[in-house]
């Protein structure tokens, strides 16, 4: 059996890729997670005191990328 583990993308990797400040990114993500209507997946998936990370290609990752693209 050669099951591949799902690829995880962390906030650190996403910030490096998009060339944004991780501290500002975390602040934006916290604000977005409070807005359940506009960012339902971010609100649902994040737990307090847990690292920001998503499965590669997931809806949550797409919402995070969309959030940072608006900046």
N, C-alpha and C. Protein backbone atom coordinates (compact mmCIF):
# COMPACT_ATOMS: atom_id res chain seq x y z
N UNK A 1 0.83 -1.18 0.00
CA UNK A 1 0.00 0.00 0.00
C UNK A 1 0.88 1.25 0.00
N UNK A 2 0.60 2.15 -0.89
CA UNK A 2 1.38 3.37 -0.96
C UNK A 2 0.47 4.58 -0.83
N UNK A 3 -0.23 4.68 0.30
CA UNK A 3 -1.09 5.83 0.54
C UNK A 3 -0.23 7.03 0.87
N UNK A 4 -0.50 8.11 0.15
CA UNK A 4 0.24 9.33 0.41
C UNK A 4 -0.48 10.12 1.49
N UNK A 5 0.29 10.69 2.38
CA UNK A 5 -0.30 11.56 3.41
C UNK A 5 -0.78 12.84 2.73
N UNK A 6 -1.88 13.39 3.18
CA UNK A 6 -2.36 14.63 2.57
C UNK A 6 -1.36 15.76 2.78
N UNK A 7 -1.19 16.58 1.76
CA UNK A 7 -0.25 17.69 1.87
C UNK A 7 -0.88 18.81 2.68
N UNK A 8 -0.13 19.30 3.63
CA UNK A 8 -0.58 20.39 4.49
C UNK A 8 0.19 21.64 4.10
N UNK A 9 -0.53 22.75 3.98
CA UNK A 9 0.14 24.02 3.74
C UNK A 9 -0.04 24.86 5.00
N UNK A 10 1.06 25.35 5.53
CA UNK A 10 1.03 26.14 6.75
C UNK A 10 0.97 27.63 6.41
N UNK A 11 0.61 28.41 7.40
CA UNK A 11 0.57 29.85 7.20
C UNK A 11 1.96 30.37 6.87
N UNK A 12 2.99 29.81 7.49
CA UNK A 12 4.36 30.24 7.23
C UNK A 12 4.72 30.03 5.76
N UNK A 13 4.37 28.87 5.22
CA UNK A 13 4.66 28.59 3.81
C UNK A 13 3.85 29.49 2.89
N UNK A 14 2.60 29.73 3.24
CA UNK A 14 1.74 30.59 2.43
C UNK A 14 2.26 32.04 2.43
N UNK A 15 2.71 32.51 3.59
CA UNK A 15 3.26 33.87 3.69
C UNK A 15 4.55 33.99 2.88
N UNK A 16 5.38 32.98 2.92
CA UNK A 16 6.62 33.01 2.15
C UNK A 16 6.31 33.04 0.66
N UNK A 17 5.33 32.26 0.25
CA UNK A 17 4.96 32.20 -1.16
C UNK A 17 4.37 33.52 -1.65
N UNK A 18 3.52 34.14 -0.83
CA UNK A 18 2.85 35.37 -1.23
C UNK A 18 3.61 36.64 -0.82
N UNK A 19 4.73 36.45 -0.12
CA UNK A 19 5.58 37.56 0.34
C UNK A 19 4.79 38.56 1.19
N UNK A 20 4.15 38.02 2.24
CA UNK A 20 3.43 38.87 3.17
C UNK A 20 3.93 38.60 4.59
N UNK A 21 3.70 39.54 5.48
CA UNK A 21 4.15 39.45 6.87
C UNK A 21 3.25 38.47 7.64
N UNK A 22 3.82 37.44 8.27
CA UNK A 22 3.00 36.46 9.01
C UNK A 22 2.17 37.07 10.13
N UNK A 23 2.70 38.07 10.80
CA UNK A 23 1.96 38.70 11.90
C UNK A 23 0.69 39.37 11.37
N UNK A 24 0.82 40.11 10.28
CA UNK A 24 -0.34 40.76 9.67
C UNK A 24 -1.32 39.72 9.12
N UNK A 25 -0.78 38.64 8.57
CA UNK A 25 -1.62 37.58 8.02
C UNK A 25 -2.46 36.93 9.11
N UNK A 26 -1.85 36.66 10.27
CA UNK A 26 -2.60 36.07 11.38
C UNK A 26 -3.71 37.00 11.85
N UNK A 27 -3.41 38.29 11.89
CA UNK A 27 -4.41 39.28 12.29
C UNK A 27 -5.59 39.28 11.31
N UNK A 28 -5.29 39.24 10.02
CA UNK A 28 -6.35 39.20 9.01
C UNK A 28 -7.16 37.92 9.12
N UNK A 29 -6.48 36.80 9.36
CA UNK A 29 -7.18 35.52 9.48
C UNK A 29 -8.10 35.50 10.70
N UNK A 30 -7.64 36.06 11.81
CA UNK A 30 -8.50 36.11 13.01
C UNK A 30 -9.75 36.93 12.74
N UNK A 31 -9.57 38.08 12.08
CA UNK A 31 -10.74 38.91 11.74
C UNK A 31 -11.68 38.17 10.79
N UNK A 32 -11.11 37.49 9.80
CA UNK A 32 -11.93 36.77 8.83
C UNK A 32 -12.67 35.60 9.48
N UNK A 33 -12.04 34.93 10.43
CA UNK A 33 -12.67 33.79 11.09
C UNK A 33 -13.89 34.22 11.90
N UNK A 34 -13.93 35.48 12.31
CA UNK A 34 -15.11 35.99 13.02
C UNK A 34 -16.27 36.28 12.09
N UNK A 35 -15.99 36.45 10.80
CA UNK A 35 -17.02 36.75 9.80
C UNK A 35 -17.46 35.44 9.13
N UNK A 36 -18.38 34.74 9.77
CA UNK A 36 -18.78 33.42 9.31
C UNK A 36 -19.54 33.43 8.00
N UNK A 37 -20.18 34.55 7.68
CA UNK A 37 -20.93 34.61 6.42
C UNK A 37 -20.01 34.71 5.22
N UNK A 38 -18.96 35.54 5.32
CA UNK A 38 -18.07 35.73 4.19
C UNK A 38 -17.00 34.65 4.10
N UNK A 39 -16.53 34.15 5.24
CA UNK A 39 -15.46 33.14 5.27
C UNK A 39 -15.89 31.94 6.11
N UNK A 40 -16.88 31.19 5.66
CA UNK A 40 -17.41 30.09 6.48
C UNK A 40 -16.39 28.99 6.78
N UNK A 41 -15.54 28.67 5.82
CA UNK A 41 -14.58 27.59 6.02
C UNK A 41 -13.49 27.99 7.01
N UNK A 42 -13.02 29.23 6.94
CA UNK A 42 -12.02 29.69 7.91
C UNK A 42 -12.60 29.69 9.31
N UNK A 43 -13.83 30.14 9.45
CA UNK A 43 -14.48 30.18 10.75
C UNK A 43 -14.68 28.78 11.31
N UNK A 44 -15.03 27.84 10.46
CA UNK A 44 -15.34 26.48 10.90
C UNK A 44 -14.07 25.69 11.22
N UNK A 45 -13.01 25.90 10.47
CA UNK A 45 -11.85 25.02 10.58
C UNK A 45 -10.84 25.44 11.64
N UNK A 46 -10.80 26.72 12.00
CA UNK A 46 -9.76 27.14 12.93
C UNK A 46 -10.18 26.99 14.38
N UNK A 47 -9.26 26.46 15.18
CA UNK A 47 -9.46 26.30 16.61
C UNK A 47 -8.50 27.25 17.34
N UNK A 48 -8.94 27.87 18.43
CA UNK A 48 -8.05 28.76 19.18
C UNK A 48 -6.77 28.05 19.63
N UNK A 49 -5.68 28.78 19.58
CA UNK A 49 -4.35 28.30 19.98
C UNK A 49 -3.81 27.18 19.09
N UNK A 50 -4.43 26.96 17.95
CA UNK A 50 -3.95 25.95 17.00
C UNK A 50 -3.30 26.67 15.83
N UNK A 51 -2.31 26.05 15.20
CA UNK A 51 -1.66 26.71 14.07
C UNK A 51 -2.60 26.82 12.87
N UNK A 52 -2.40 27.87 12.08
CA UNK A 52 -3.16 28.04 10.85
C UNK A 52 -2.54 27.11 9.81
N UNK A 53 -3.30 26.15 9.36
CA UNK A 53 -2.85 25.23 8.32
C UNK A 53 -4.06 24.64 7.62
N UNK A 54 -3.84 24.26 6.36
CA UNK A 54 -4.93 23.75 5.54
C UNK A 54 -4.41 22.61 4.69
N UNK A 55 -5.34 21.76 4.26
CA UNK A 55 -5.00 20.75 3.27
C UNK A 55 -4.81 21.46 1.94
N UNK A 56 -3.79 21.05 1.22
CA UNK A 56 -3.51 21.70 -0.07
C UNK A 56 -4.71 21.51 -1.01
N UNK A 57 -5.18 22.63 -1.56
CA UNK A 57 -6.30 22.60 -2.49
C UNK A 57 -7.67 22.65 -1.82
N UNK A 58 -7.71 22.77 -0.51
CA UNK A 58 -8.99 22.77 0.20
C UNK A 58 -9.69 24.12 0.07
N UNK A 59 -10.95 24.14 0.46
CA UNK A 59 -11.74 25.37 0.42
C UNK A 59 -11.15 26.39 1.40
N UNK A 60 -10.69 25.93 2.54
CA UNK A 60 -10.08 26.82 3.53
C UNK A 60 -8.85 27.52 2.99
N UNK A 61 -8.01 26.77 2.28
CA UNK A 61 -6.81 27.37 1.68
C UNK A 61 -7.21 28.41 0.64
N UNK A 62 -8.22 28.10 -0.15
CA UNK A 62 -8.68 29.05 -1.18
C UNK A 62 -9.24 30.31 -0.54
N UNK A 63 -9.96 30.18 0.57
CA UNK A 63 -10.48 31.35 1.27
C UNK A 63 -9.33 32.20 1.81
N UNK A 64 -8.31 31.56 2.38
CA UNK A 64 -7.16 32.29 2.91
C UNK A 64 -6.43 33.03 1.78
N UNK A 65 -6.19 32.34 0.69
CA UNK A 65 -5.53 32.99 -0.46
C UNK A 65 -6.35 34.17 -0.97
N UNK A 66 -7.66 34.00 -1.03
CA UNK A 66 -8.54 35.08 -1.47
C UNK A 66 -8.48 36.26 -0.52
N UNK A 67 -8.40 35.99 0.77
CA UNK A 67 -8.30 37.04 1.77
C UNK A 67 -7.02 37.86 1.56
N UNK A 68 -5.92 37.17 1.33
CA UNK A 68 -4.64 37.86 1.15
C UNK A 68 -4.55 38.55 -0.21
N UNK A 69 -5.26 38.05 -1.19
CA UNK A 69 -5.24 38.68 -2.52
C UNK A 69 -5.97 40.01 -2.51
N UNK A 70 -6.93 40.19 -1.58
CA UNK A 70 -7.69 41.43 -1.50
C UNK A 70 -6.84 42.57 -0.96
N UNK A 71 -5.77 42.25 -0.27
CA UNK A 71 -4.93 43.28 0.35
C UNK A 71 -4.22 44.11 -0.67
